[in-house]
Amino acid sequence: MIEVKITSNDQNKRLDKFVKKYLYKAPESFIYKLFRKKDIKVNKKPKPFDYILNENDVVSIYINKEQEMEFLNKAPLIVSQSQDFEVIYEDDNVLIVNKKANLLVHDGDDKLKNEDTLTKQVLNYLINNKSYDPKKENVFVPSLAHRIDRNTSGLVIFGKTSTALSELFYAFKDHNNMEKIYIALVSGRVLKGDTIKAKLIKNEKTKIVNVDEVNGQEAISIYEPIATYSDCSLLKIKILTGRTHQIRVHMKYINHPLVGDLKYGNKNSDILAKKYHMDNYFLHAKSICFHNLKNDLAYLNDKIFTAPLFLKEKQLLKEVSKGDGSYEWLFKKGRRMEEF
C-alpha cells in the first residue's frame, strides 16, 4: 500500500488525474480497475474517481510491492541548460519572462518532442534558484499559463504554484480581465487605426486558421500605427480575445500581413522579408496588465509588465526606419499602459 499526503499544489485536482500522474507508468485500465475494486481510498474511505482533493487529504493506493516497483515513477523531468529568455518579474507565485523569437514554448504531442523549449529552460532556471524542488512535489510542475507562437517574442507567464496557475488560466480564458498589447511589423502603409472583428476557425488537419463568420469563434483586435514607412508599418495591436494566430490572420484579413509570415503572408510581405533580411515575422508581446485577478494573485492587479525588444529586433527597426528614431519611445520606461 502507498499513502500520499495531499499538498497545497495537489489540492482541487480530480482524484483519478492525480493517481494517473502519481503512478506515471501504470496503464489507465489498471488505474480504473483499482477504483472499481475500491483499492483507492481517501482518508481511509473509498472515493469516486472524480472526487476533488483537499489539502491534507491522505490518498491510499492498495497495490503490491511488485506493482510499486513497476508503476511508482514520476514523469521524467527534462530540462535545458540554455536560457533564451529574460526574467521580467518573479515572486513566489508567478514568473514572467521575455522570450526570444524562434523558441517553442513547449513540446507538441508525443511525436513532436524538442530538445529545447522555453518550458525546459524555465524549469532548469527554477530548480537552480531553488524555487522549485521536484523531489518535494507529488505531481506538480510549474507550467505555462498561456502560449505564444514559436516566432513571436515577448511576455510569457508561468505559474509556480497550482493555485496561481488556476487563477492565471481563468484570466487568460476571459481576456476582458486584462490588457495585452503586441508590436508588429506589417506590409503596406497603415495610416490610421481601426478595430477588426472577424471570427476565426482552425482547421485541425492543416493547422491553418481562417476567417469564418458562420462557424468561427469571436475574435477582436484593435490596431493603430506607431510609425508608417515607405513600404511597411509598425503597429500597436491590442487583442480583446485570445484565438490561435489571431493577429497574423487578422492582419492578413485587412491585406496587411506580417512581413515575413510564411503561413499567412502574400507576395508583397515575402518581398519585404527578403529586402530586410528577415527569416521570420516580427511580432512582439510587449505588455500586459491584469485587472480582475483574485485570491492569491490579487496583488498583481493593475501592475504593468513590459518586455523590451531584443537586439535583433532593434536592429531590424533601425534598418526599416533608416534610423529616424520613430520607434525609440518603445524603449522608454515609466510609461502608462495606454501609451504602449
Protein backbone atom coordinates (compact mmCIF):
# COMPACT_ATOMS: atom_id res chain seq x y z
CA MET A 1 0.00 0.00 0.00
CA ILE A 2 1.11 3.58 -0.79
CA GLU A 3 -0.01 6.59 1.24
CA VAL A 4 0.33 10.10 -0.14
CA LYS A 5 -0.46 13.30 1.75
CA ILE A 6 -2.02 15.97 -0.46
CA THR A 7 -0.16 19.28 -0.51
CA SER A 8 -1.40 22.74 -1.47
CA ASN A 9 -0.13 22.12 -5.01
CA ASP A 10 -2.18 18.89 -5.28
CA GLN A 11 -5.50 20.20 -3.97
CA ASN A 12 -8.50 20.90 -6.21
CA LYS A 13 -7.44 18.12 -8.59
CA ARG A 14 -9.61 15.16 -9.52
CA LEU A 15 -8.56 12.01 -7.72
CA ASP A 16 -8.14 9.95 -10.90
CA LYS A 17 -5.97 12.60 -12.57
CA PHE A 18 -3.75 12.79 -9.51
CA VAL A 19 -3.34 9.00 -9.39
CA LYS A 20 -2.55 8.87 -13.13
CA LYS A 21 0.30 11.31 -12.63
CA TYR A 22 1.50 9.68 -9.44
CA LEU A 23 1.51 6.19 -10.97
CA TYR A 24 3.02 7.54 -14.16
CA LYS A 25 3.81 4.18 -15.73
CA ALA A 26 0.53 2.48 -14.86
CA PRO A 27 -1.93 1.79 -17.72
CA GLU A 28 -5.17 3.72 -17.46
CA SER A 29 -7.13 0.48 -17.44
CA PHE A 30 -5.17 -0.64 -14.36
CA ILE A 31 -5.94 2.60 -12.50
CA TYR A 32 -9.69 2.41 -13.15
CA LYS A 33 -9.66 -1.23 -12.11
CA LEU A 34 -8.29 -0.04 -8.75
CA PHE A 35 -11.23 2.34 -8.48
CA ARG A 36 -13.73 -0.41 -9.30
CA LYS A 37 -12.20 -2.66 -6.63
CA LYS A 38 -12.22 0.26 -4.13
CA ASP A 39 -8.45 -0.04 -3.81
CA ILE A 40 -8.06 3.72 -3.90
CA LYS A 41 -9.20 5.48 -0.75
CA VAL A 42 -9.08 8.99 0.67
CA ASN A 43 -8.82 9.32 4.43
CA LYS A 44 -9.41 5.55 4.64
CA LYS A 45 -12.71 5.71 2.74
CA PRO A 46 -13.34 4.74 -0.91
CA LYS A 47 -13.96 7.75 -3.14
CA PRO A 48 -15.21 8.05 -6.73
CA PHE A 49 -12.65 8.83 -9.43
CA ASP A 50 -13.99 12.41 -9.80
CA TYR A 51 -13.54 13.26 -6.11
CA ILE A 52 -11.82 16.67 -5.73
CA LEU A 53 -8.82 16.51 -3.45
CA ASN A 54 -8.34 18.81 -0.46
CA GLU A 55 -5.10 19.82 1.18
CA ASN A 56 -4.03 17.33 3.89
CA ASP A 57 -6.17 14.53 2.46
CA VAL A 58 -4.36 11.19 2.62
CA VAL A 59 -4.67 9.06 -0.51
CA SER A 60 -4.15 5.31 -0.04
CA ILE A 61 -3.40 3.18 -3.09
CA TYR A 62 -3.57 -0.56 -2.47
CA ILE A 63 -1.02 -2.18 -4.76
CA ASN A 64 1.65 -4.79 -4.05
CA LYS A 65 5.42 -4.28 -3.92
CA GLU A 66 5.94 -5.54 -7.46
CA GLN A 67 3.38 -3.09 -8.80
CA GLU A 68 5.02 -0.30 -6.80
CA MET A 69 8.35 -1.09 -8.43
CA GLU A 70 6.74 -1.19 -11.86
CA PHE A 71 4.44 1.84 -11.72
CA LEU A 72 5.66 4.20 -9.00
CA ASN A 73 7.71 6.51 -11.13
CA LYS A 74 7.32 10.23 -11.69
CA ALA A 75 7.13 11.53 -15.24
CA PRO A 76 10.67 12.30 -16.40
CA LEU A 77 11.54 15.96 -15.90
CA ILE A 78 13.54 17.15 -18.90
CA VAL A 79 15.31 20.49 -18.65
CA SER A 80 17.53 22.62 -20.89
CA GLN A 81 20.74 24.38 -19.92
CA SER A 82 20.06 27.21 -22.39
CA GLN A 83 18.45 30.47 -21.34
CA ASP A 84 16.89 32.30 -24.29
CA PHE A 85 14.74 34.45 -22.03
CA GLU A 86 14.99 37.39 -19.66
CA VAL A 87 13.25 37.49 -16.29
CA ILE A 88 10.82 40.42 -16.20
CA TYR A 89 9.20 39.68 -12.82
CA GLU A 90 9.26 36.87 -10.28
CA ASP A 91 7.75 36.12 -6.88
CA ASP A 92 6.62 33.00 -5.02
CA ASN A 93 3.57 32.58 -7.28
CA VAL A 94 4.49 33.64 -10.80
CA LEU A 95 7.40 34.03 -13.19
CA ILE A 96 7.09 36.45 -16.12
CA VAL A 97 9.74 36.16 -18.81
CA ASN A 98 10.66 37.80 -22.11
CA LYS A 99 11.07 35.03 -24.72
CA LYS A 100 13.25 35.33 -27.78
CA ALA A 101 11.77 34.56 -31.19
CA ASN A 102 12.34 31.13 -32.76
CA LEU A 103 11.85 29.26 -29.48
CA LEU A 104 8.94 26.88 -28.88
CA VAL A 105 7.19 27.42 -25.55
CA HIS A 106 6.71 23.66 -25.02
CA ASP A 107 6.70 20.28 -26.74
CA GLY A 108 3.90 19.31 -29.04
CA ASP A 109 2.34 15.86 -28.88
CA ASP A 110 4.36 12.66 -28.35
CA LYS A 111 5.59 12.78 -31.93
CA LEU A 112 6.84 16.36 -31.63
CA LYS A 113 9.45 16.33 -28.88
CA ASN A 114 12.06 19.08 -28.98
CA GLU A 115 15.42 19.15 -27.27
CA ASP A 116 14.97 22.78 -26.31
CA THR A 117 11.82 24.68 -25.33
CA LEU A 118 11.08 27.68 -23.15
CA THR A 119 9.42 25.42 -20.57
CA LYS A 120 12.51 23.22 -20.30
CA GLN A 121 14.70 26.30 -19.90
CA VAL A 122 12.43 27.79 -17.22
CA LEU A 123 12.29 24.53 -15.23
CA ASN A 124 16.08 24.45 -15.17
CA TYR A 125 16.12 28.09 -14.01
CA LEU A 126 13.61 27.44 -11.22
CA ILE A 127 15.46 24.36 -9.99
CA ASN A 128 18.78 26.22 -9.96
CA ASN A 129 17.40 29.17 -7.98
CA LYS A 130 15.74 26.71 -5.56
CA SER A 131 12.21 27.98 -6.11
CA TYR A 132 11.15 24.56 -7.40
CA ASP A 133 12.28 21.23 -5.98
CA PRO A 134 10.84 18.24 -7.90
CA LYS A 135 11.68 15.91 -5.01
CA LYS A 136 9.30 17.78 -2.68
CA GLU A 137 6.33 17.64 -5.05
CA ASN A 138 4.00 14.69 -5.55
CA VAL A 139 2.99 15.53 -9.12
CA PHE A 140 3.03 19.34 -9.53
CA VAL A 141 5.33 21.00 -12.08
CA PRO A 142 5.41 24.79 -12.72
CA SER A 143 3.75 25.40 -16.07
CA LEU A 144 2.77 27.90 -18.74
CA ALA A 145 -0.36 29.91 -18.13
CA HIS A 146 -0.76 30.60 -21.87
CA ARG A 147 1.08 30.16 -25.16
CA ILE A 148 2.60 32.30 -27.87
CA ASP A 149 3.85 31.14 -31.25
CA ARG A 150 7.41 29.99 -31.82
CA ASN A 151 8.40 33.05 -33.86
CA THR A 152 6.65 35.52 -31.56
CA SER A 153 8.85 37.12 -28.93
CA GLY A 154 7.85 38.79 -25.69
CA LEU A 155 5.97 38.14 -22.49
CA VAL A 156 5.17 34.61 -21.30
CA ILE A 157 3.80 33.87 -17.82
CA PHE A 158 4.38 30.75 -15.72
CA GLY A 159 2.51 29.67 -12.61
CA LYS A 160 4.83 28.48 -9.84
CA THR A 161 2.00 27.05 -7.72
CA SER A 162 -1.15 25.14 -8.55
CA THR A 163 -3.38 27.93 -7.19
CA ALA A 164 -1.56 30.58 -9.21
CA LEU A 165 -1.91 28.52 -12.38
CA SER A 166 -5.66 28.16 -11.85
CA GLU A 167 -6.06 31.92 -11.40
CA LEU A 168 -3.97 32.65 -14.49
CA PHE A 169 -5.80 30.06 -16.62
CA TYR A 170 -9.09 31.77 -15.76
CA ALA A 171 -7.68 35.22 -16.57
CA PHE A 172 -6.40 34.14 -19.99
CA LYS A 173 -9.67 32.40 -20.75
CA ASP A 174 -11.50 35.72 -20.31
CA HIS A 175 -9.46 38.47 -21.96
CA ASN A 176 -11.88 41.08 -20.58
CA ASN A 177 -9.83 40.83 -17.39
CA MET A 178 -6.59 42.02 -18.96
CA GLU A 179 -4.95 44.34 -21.46
CA LYS A 180 -2.46 42.66 -23.76
CA ILE A 181 -0.54 44.63 -26.36
CA TYR A 182 1.70 43.49 -29.20
CA ILE A 183 4.07 45.27 -31.57
CA ALA A 184 4.05 44.06 -35.19
CA LEU A 185 5.73 44.96 -38.47
CA VAL A 186 3.22 44.62 -41.30
CA SER A 187 3.42 45.08 -45.05
CA GLY A 188 1.99 48.21 -46.65
CA ARG A 189 1.30 51.68 -45.32
CA VAL A 190 -1.21 51.83 -42.45
CA LEU A 191 -2.17 55.46 -41.89
CA LYS A 192 -4.89 55.12 -39.26
CA GLY A 193 -6.08 52.67 -36.66
CA ASP A 194 -9.23 50.55 -36.61
CA THR A 195 -10.89 47.55 -34.97
CA ILE A 196 -11.01 44.15 -36.64
CA LYS A 197 -13.96 41.92 -35.79
CA ALA A 198 -13.61 38.72 -37.79
CA LYS A 199 -14.49 35.27 -36.44
CA LEU A 200 -11.78 32.63 -36.70
CA ILE A 201 -11.76 28.86 -37.08
CA LYS A 202 -8.82 26.45 -37.05
CA ASN A 203 -8.51 23.52 -39.42
CA GLU A 204 -7.21 20.77 -37.13
CA LYS A 205 -5.72 18.82 -40.05
CA THR A 206 -3.76 21.65 -41.70
CA LYS A 207 -3.38 23.77 -38.53
CA ILE A 208 -4.33 26.80 -40.65
CA VAL A 209 -6.67 29.42 -39.16
CA ASN A 210 -9.19 31.17 -41.41
CA VAL A 211 -11.87 33.80 -41.09
CA ASP A 212 -15.30 32.14 -40.92
CA GLU A 213 -18.20 34.34 -39.87
CA VAL A 214 -20.60 31.37 -39.68
CA ASN A 215 -18.65 28.71 -37.79
CA GLY A 216 -15.78 30.69 -36.29
CA GLN A 217 -15.22 31.99 -32.76
CA GLU A 218 -15.38 35.69 -31.96
CA ALA A 219 -12.03 37.46 -32.38
CA ILE A 220 -11.39 41.18 -31.86
CA SER A 221 -8.16 43.10 -32.47
CA ILE A 222 -7.58 46.85 -32.20
CA TYR A 223 -4.62 48.30 -34.08
CA GLU A 224 -3.03 51.69 -34.61
CA PRO A 225 0.15 52.77 -36.36
CA ILE A 226 3.24 53.62 -34.35
CA ALA A 227 5.18 54.56 -37.49
CA THR A 228 4.49 54.32 -41.22
CA TYR A 229 7.36 53.84 -43.63
CA SER A 230 7.62 53.69 -47.43
CA ASP A 231 6.60 50.03 -47.76
CA CYS A 232 5.62 48.77 -44.30
CA SER A 233 4.18 49.89 -40.95
CA LEU A 234 4.95 49.34 -37.29
CA LEU A 235 1.70 48.74 -35.41
CA LYS A 236 0.50 48.56 -31.83
CA ILE A 237 -2.13 45.81 -31.60
CA LYS A 238 -4.37 45.17 -28.62
CA ILE A 239 -6.23 41.86 -28.59
CA LEU A 240 -9.56 41.51 -26.81
CA THR A 241 -9.71 37.77 -27.44
CA GLY A 242 -7.03 35.09 -27.49
CA ARG A 243 -7.56 32.97 -30.59
CA THR A 244 -4.83 30.91 -32.23
CA HIS A 245 -2.82 33.02 -34.72
CA GLN A 246 -5.32 35.85 -34.18
CA ILE A 247 -3.07 38.80 -35.03
CA ARG A 248 -1.49 37.08 -38.01
CA VAL A 249 -4.84 36.10 -39.54
CA HIS A 250 -6.50 39.44 -38.78
CA MET A 251 -3.69 41.39 -40.43
CA LYS A 252 -3.91 39.12 -43.48
CA TYR A 253 -7.68 39.74 -43.49
CA ILE A 254 -7.17 43.51 -43.94
CA ASN A 255 -4.42 42.90 -46.53
CA HIS A 256 -1.55 43.97 -44.28
CA PRO A 257 0.06 40.63 -43.37
CA LEU A 258 3.07 40.49 -41.11
CA VAL A 259 6.30 40.93 -43.03
CA GLY A 260 7.97 37.52 -43.30
CA ASP A 261 4.92 35.47 -42.31
CA LEU A 262 5.27 32.37 -44.48
CA LYS A 263 1.93 30.91 -43.41
CA TYR A 264 -0.34 33.95 -43.70
CA GLY A 265 1.71 36.34 -45.83
CA ASN A 266 1.48 37.28 -49.51
CA LYS A 267 3.86 38.11 -52.33
CA ASN A 268 4.44 41.63 -51.04
CA SER A 269 5.25 40.51 -47.48
CA ASP A 270 7.68 37.92 -48.90
CA ILE A 271 9.47 40.58 -50.97
CA LEU A 272 9.79 42.82 -47.92
CA ALA A 273 11.17 39.96 -45.83
CA LYS A 274 13.96 39.47 -48.37
CA LYS A 275 14.61 43.20 -48.53
CA TYR A 276 15.05 43.46 -44.76
CA HIS A 277 16.83 40.09 -44.39
CA MET A 278 14.10 38.64 -42.15
CA ASP A 279 13.99 34.87 -41.59
CA ASN A 280 10.63 35.09 -39.78
CA TYR A 281 7.96 37.65 -38.95
CA PHE A 282 8.29 40.37 -36.29
CA LEU A 283 5.60 40.10 -33.60
CA HIS A 284 6.43 41.02 -30.02
CA ALA A 285 4.18 40.58 -26.95
CA LYS A 286 5.08 43.96 -25.48
CA SER A 287 2.94 44.50 -22.37
CA ILE A 288 0.26 43.00 -20.17
CA CYS A 289 -1.85 44.31 -17.31
CA PHE A 290 -4.32 42.24 -15.26
CA HIS A 291 -7.42 43.80 -13.67
CA ASN A 292 -9.50 41.10 -12.01
CA LEU A 293 -7.16 38.51 -10.60
CA LYS A 294 -8.48 37.10 -7.33
CA ASN A 295 -7.33 35.27 -4.22
CA ASP A 296 -3.57 34.66 -4.12
CA LEU A 297 -2.84 36.85 -7.17
CA ALA A 298 -5.00 39.90 -6.42
CA TYR A 299 -1.86 41.91 -5.58
CA LEU A 300 -0.84 41.80 -9.27
CA ASN A 301 -3.91 43.71 -10.44
CA ASP A 302 -3.24 46.94 -12.37
CA LYS A 303 0.52 46.39 -12.47
CA ILE A 304 2.02 46.82 -15.94
CA PHE A 305 4.59 44.29 -17.13
CA THR A 306 6.57 45.16 -20.24
CA ALA A 307 9.12 43.26 -22.32
CA PRO A 308 11.92 45.18 -24.06
CA LEU A 309 12.80 44.32 -27.63
CA PHE A 310 15.80 42.11 -28.20
CA LEU A 311 18.88 43.41 -30.03
CA LYS A 312 17.98 41.68 -33.30
CA GLU A 313 14.55 43.35 -33.28
CA LYS A 314 16.03 46.77 -32.52
CA GLN A 315 18.47 46.38 -35.40
CA LEU A 316 15.61 45.45 -37.74
CA LEU A 317 13.59 48.53 -36.79
CA LYS A 318 16.65 50.72 -37.21
CA GLU A 319 17.09 49.38 -40.74
CA VAL A 320 13.42 49.69 -41.65
CA SER A 321 13.14 53.24 -40.27
CA LYS A 322 16.52 54.29 -41.68
CA GLY A 323 17.44 55.37 -38.16
CA ASP A 324 14.80 58.10 -37.88
CA GLY A 325 14.07 57.19 -34.24
CA SER A 326 10.32 56.78 -34.83
CA TYR A 327 10.19 53.63 -32.70
CA GLU A 328 12.53 54.61 -29.85
CA TRP A 329 9.71 55.59 -27.48
CA LEU A 330 9.05 51.85 -27.18
CA PHE A 331 12.19 51.54 -25.07
CA LYS A 332 11.41 54.26 -22.55
CA LYS A 333 10.50 53.25 -19.01
CA GLY A 334 7.73 54.52 -16.79
CA ARG A 335 5.05 54.84 -19.45
CA ARG A 336 1.37 54.28 -18.84
CA MET A 337 -0.47 51.27 -20.30
CA GLU A 338 -2.38 53.33 -22.88
CA GLU A 339 0.92 54.68 -24.25
CA PHE A 340 2.22 51.27 -25.25
